[in-house]
Amino acid sequence: MSRKNGSGSKVAGPAGYLAGLAPSGPSQRQLRVGEEVRRVLAEVFARTTFRDPDLVDVDLTVTEVRLSPDFRHATVFITRLGRSDVAELLPALKRVAPWLRTQLAHKIRARTVPELHFQPDTALDTAMHMDTLLRSPEVQRDLNAASEDEESED
């Protein structure tokens, strides 16, 4: 008789748990609440001037929010369009996280308001790097050689 020990139910480590990553993916409720949290945080970032000196005149974009399965933790992915210095703002965001959580509590209807954890969103940087690689002469040469091989086989 084989039993599963349950070790494969979640992605290993606390980062996977906090990001709401499970092998089957996030639930519909996690996605719906995460999108609502993202919308509210984006609105707060757009309309609020923070007292923290590190966040004065800083425009942040909330790209994604991932909730843990128990809805107690939210990983908020942020970026600054056109700039890559988001990692320097993480300590300041950690300082204002309790205030942001309070603002979140006023705007959403939820039994518990998640604790906010901020991470820089590197998806745009990765996409730009991949685009640069795909446009490089070496890759173009290989792609052209592969298409010529296909034409000669036909």
Protein backbone atom coordinates (compact mmCIF):
# COMPACT_ATOMS: atom_id res chain seq x y z
CA MET A 1 0.00 0.00 0.00
CA SER A 2 1.57 3.27 -1.01
CA ARG A 3 0.88 6.49 0.81
CA LYS A 4 1.73 10.01 -0.07
CA ASN A 5 3.46 11.81 2.75
CA GLY A 6 2.12 15.20 1.65
CA SER A 7 5.58 16.63 1.07
CA GLY A 8 4.72 17.48 -2.55
CA SER A 9 1.64 19.54 -1.74
CA LYS A 10 3.42 22.90 -1.61
CA VAL A 11 6.47 24.44 -3.21
CA ALA A 12 9.38 24.02 -0.81
CA GLY A 13 10.36 26.82 1.52
CA PRO A 14 8.58 29.80 3.00
CA ALA A 15 8.89 31.88 -0.17
CA GLY A 16 6.72 29.43 -2.09
CA TYR A 17 4.17 29.38 0.70
CA LEU A 18 4.08 33.17 1.01
CA ALA A 19 3.73 33.55 -2.73
CA GLY A 20 0.73 31.21 -2.73
CA LEU A 21 2.38 28.72 -5.05
CA ALA A 22 1.00 25.21 -5.00
CA PRO A 23 1.51 22.48 -7.60
CA SER A 24 -2.08 22.91 -8.76
CA GLY A 25 -1.73 26.69 -8.86
CA PRO A 26 -3.66 29.32 -6.92
CA SER A 27 -7.37 28.88 -6.34
CA GLN A 28 -9.95 31.10 -8.01
CA ARG A 29 -10.57 32.78 -4.66
CA GLN A 30 -6.86 33.49 -4.21
CA LEU A 31 -6.74 35.03 -7.68
CA ARG A 32 -9.87 37.12 -7.11
CA VAL A 33 -8.80 38.46 -3.70
CA GLY A 34 -5.23 38.98 -4.93
CA GLU A 35 -6.49 41.11 -7.81
CA GLU A 36 -8.64 43.16 -5.43
CA VAL A 37 -5.65 43.73 -3.13
CA ARG A 38 -3.55 44.72 -6.17
CA ARG A 39 -6.17 47.20 -7.33
CA VAL A 40 -6.49 48.82 -3.89
CA LEU A 41 -2.72 49.04 -3.36
CA ALA A 42 -2.22 50.53 -6.82
CA GLU A 43 -4.84 53.16 -6.00
CA VAL A 44 -3.19 53.95 -2.66
CA PHE A 45 0.24 54.26 -4.30
CA ALA A 46 -1.18 56.54 -6.98
CA ARG A 47 -3.06 58.89 -4.65
CA THR A 48 -0.88 58.99 -1.53
CA THR A 49 2.18 61.01 -0.66
CA PHE A 50 4.14 59.06 1.90
CA ARG A 51 5.85 60.66 4.87
CA ASP A 52 8.77 58.29 4.60
CA PRO A 53 11.65 60.25 3.02
CA ASP A 54 12.66 57.28 0.87
CA LEU A 55 9.21 57.12 -0.73
CA VAL A 56 8.67 60.82 -1.41
CA ASP A 57 7.97 61.44 -5.12
CA VAL A 58 8.38 57.75 -5.97
CA ASP A 59 6.00 56.26 -8.52
CA LEU A 60 5.46 52.55 -7.93
CA THR A 61 3.46 50.08 -9.97
CA VAL A 62 1.92 47.02 -8.35
CA THR A 63 2.15 44.32 -10.99
CA GLU A 64 0.91 41.27 -9.10
CA VAL A 65 -0.24 40.10 -5.67
CA ARG A 66 0.01 36.46 -4.66
CA LEU A 67 -1.86 35.30 -1.58
CA SER A 68 -0.96 32.39 0.65
CA PRO A 69 -3.56 29.62 0.81
CA ASP A 70 -4.72 30.81 4.24
CA PHE A 71 -4.99 34.46 3.04
CA ARG A 72 -2.80 35.71 5.91
CA HIS A 73 0.19 36.71 3.78
CA ALA A 74 0.38 38.56 0.49
CA THR A 75 3.48 38.86 -1.65
CA VAL A 76 3.26 42.15 -3.52
CA PHE A 77 5.38 42.46 -6.67
CA ILE A 78 6.29 46.06 -7.46
CA THR A 79 8.22 47.82 -10.17
CA ARG A 80 9.22 51.30 -11.27
CA LEU A 81 8.71 51.62 -14.98
CA GLY A 82 11.88 52.66 -16.72
CA ARG A 83 13.99 52.19 -13.59
CA SER A 84 15.55 49.20 -11.90
CA ASP A 85 16.17 50.54 -8.38
CA VAL A 86 13.14 48.92 -6.73
CA ALA A 87 15.24 46.75 -4.42
CA GLU A 88 16.51 49.89 -2.68
CA LEU A 89 12.93 50.82 -1.76
CA LEU A 90 12.09 47.51 -0.04
CA PRO A 91 13.14 48.65 3.48
CA ALA A 92 10.98 51.78 3.15
CA LEU A 93 8.04 49.69 1.93
CA LYS A 94 8.50 47.36 4.88
CA ARG A 95 8.26 50.40 7.20
CA VAL A 96 4.98 51.59 5.65
CA ALA A 97 3.48 48.07 5.33
CA PRO A 98 1.40 48.34 8.56
CA TRP A 99 -0.14 51.60 7.36
CA LEU A 100 -0.83 50.09 3.92
CA ARG A 101 -2.46 47.12 5.63
CA THR A 102 -4.73 49.50 7.55
CA GLN A 103 -5.70 51.24 4.31
CA LEU A 104 -6.38 47.85 2.80
CA ALA A 105 -8.65 46.96 5.73
CA HIS A 106 -10.74 50.06 5.07
CA LYS A 107 -11.20 49.28 1.37
CA ILE A 108 -11.75 45.52 1.09
CA ARG A 109 -14.26 43.23 2.72
CA ALA A 110 -12.34 40.34 4.18
CA ARG A 111 -12.28 38.34 7.37
CA THR A 112 -8.55 38.89 7.72
CA VAL A 113 -6.36 41.43 5.99
CA PRO A 114 -3.13 39.86 4.74
CA GLU A 115 0.29 40.84 6.00
CA LEU A 116 2.15 42.51 3.13
CA HIS A 117 5.55 41.31 1.89
CA PHE A 118 7.14 43.26 -0.96
CA GLN A 119 9.29 41.83 -3.75
CA PRO A 120 10.72 43.52 -6.85
CA ASP A 121 9.10 42.35 -10.08
CA THR A 122 11.81 41.35 -12.50
CA ALA A 123 9.54 39.93 -15.21
CA LEU A 124 9.85 43.03 -17.43
CA ASP A 125 13.65 43.04 -17.10
CA THR A 126 13.76 39.34 -17.96
CA ALA A 127 11.50 39.87 -20.99
CA MET A 128 13.67 42.74 -22.23
CA HIS A 129 16.81 40.62 -21.78
CA MET A 130 15.24 37.74 -23.72
CA ASP A 131 14.19 40.11 -26.50
CA THR A 132 17.73 41.43 -26.71
CA LEU A 133 19.09 37.89 -26.91
CA LEU A 134 16.62 36.88 -29.62
CA ARG A 135 17.57 39.90 -31.72
CA SER A 136 21.32 39.26 -31.42
CA PRO A 137 23.14 38.44 -34.68
CA GLU A 138 24.22 34.99 -33.44
CA VAL A 139 20.65 33.89 -32.73
CA GLN A 140 19.37 35.39 -36.00
CA ARG A 141 22.08 33.48 -37.88
CA ASP A 142 21.02 30.22 -36.17
CA LEU A 143 17.34 30.89 -36.87
CA ASN A 144 18.07 31.60 -40.54
CA ALA A 145 20.15 28.41 -40.81
CA ALA A 146 17.33 26.38 -39.26
CA SER A 147 14.75 27.83 -41.67
CA GLU A 148 17.02 27.08 -44.65
CA ASP A 149 17.38 23.46 -43.44
CA GLU A 150 13.58 23.14 -43.28
CA GLU A 151 13.19 24.53 -46.81
CA SER A 152 15.80 22.13 -48.21
CA GLU A 153 13.99 19.15 -46.62
CA ASP A 154 10.67 20.10 -48.26
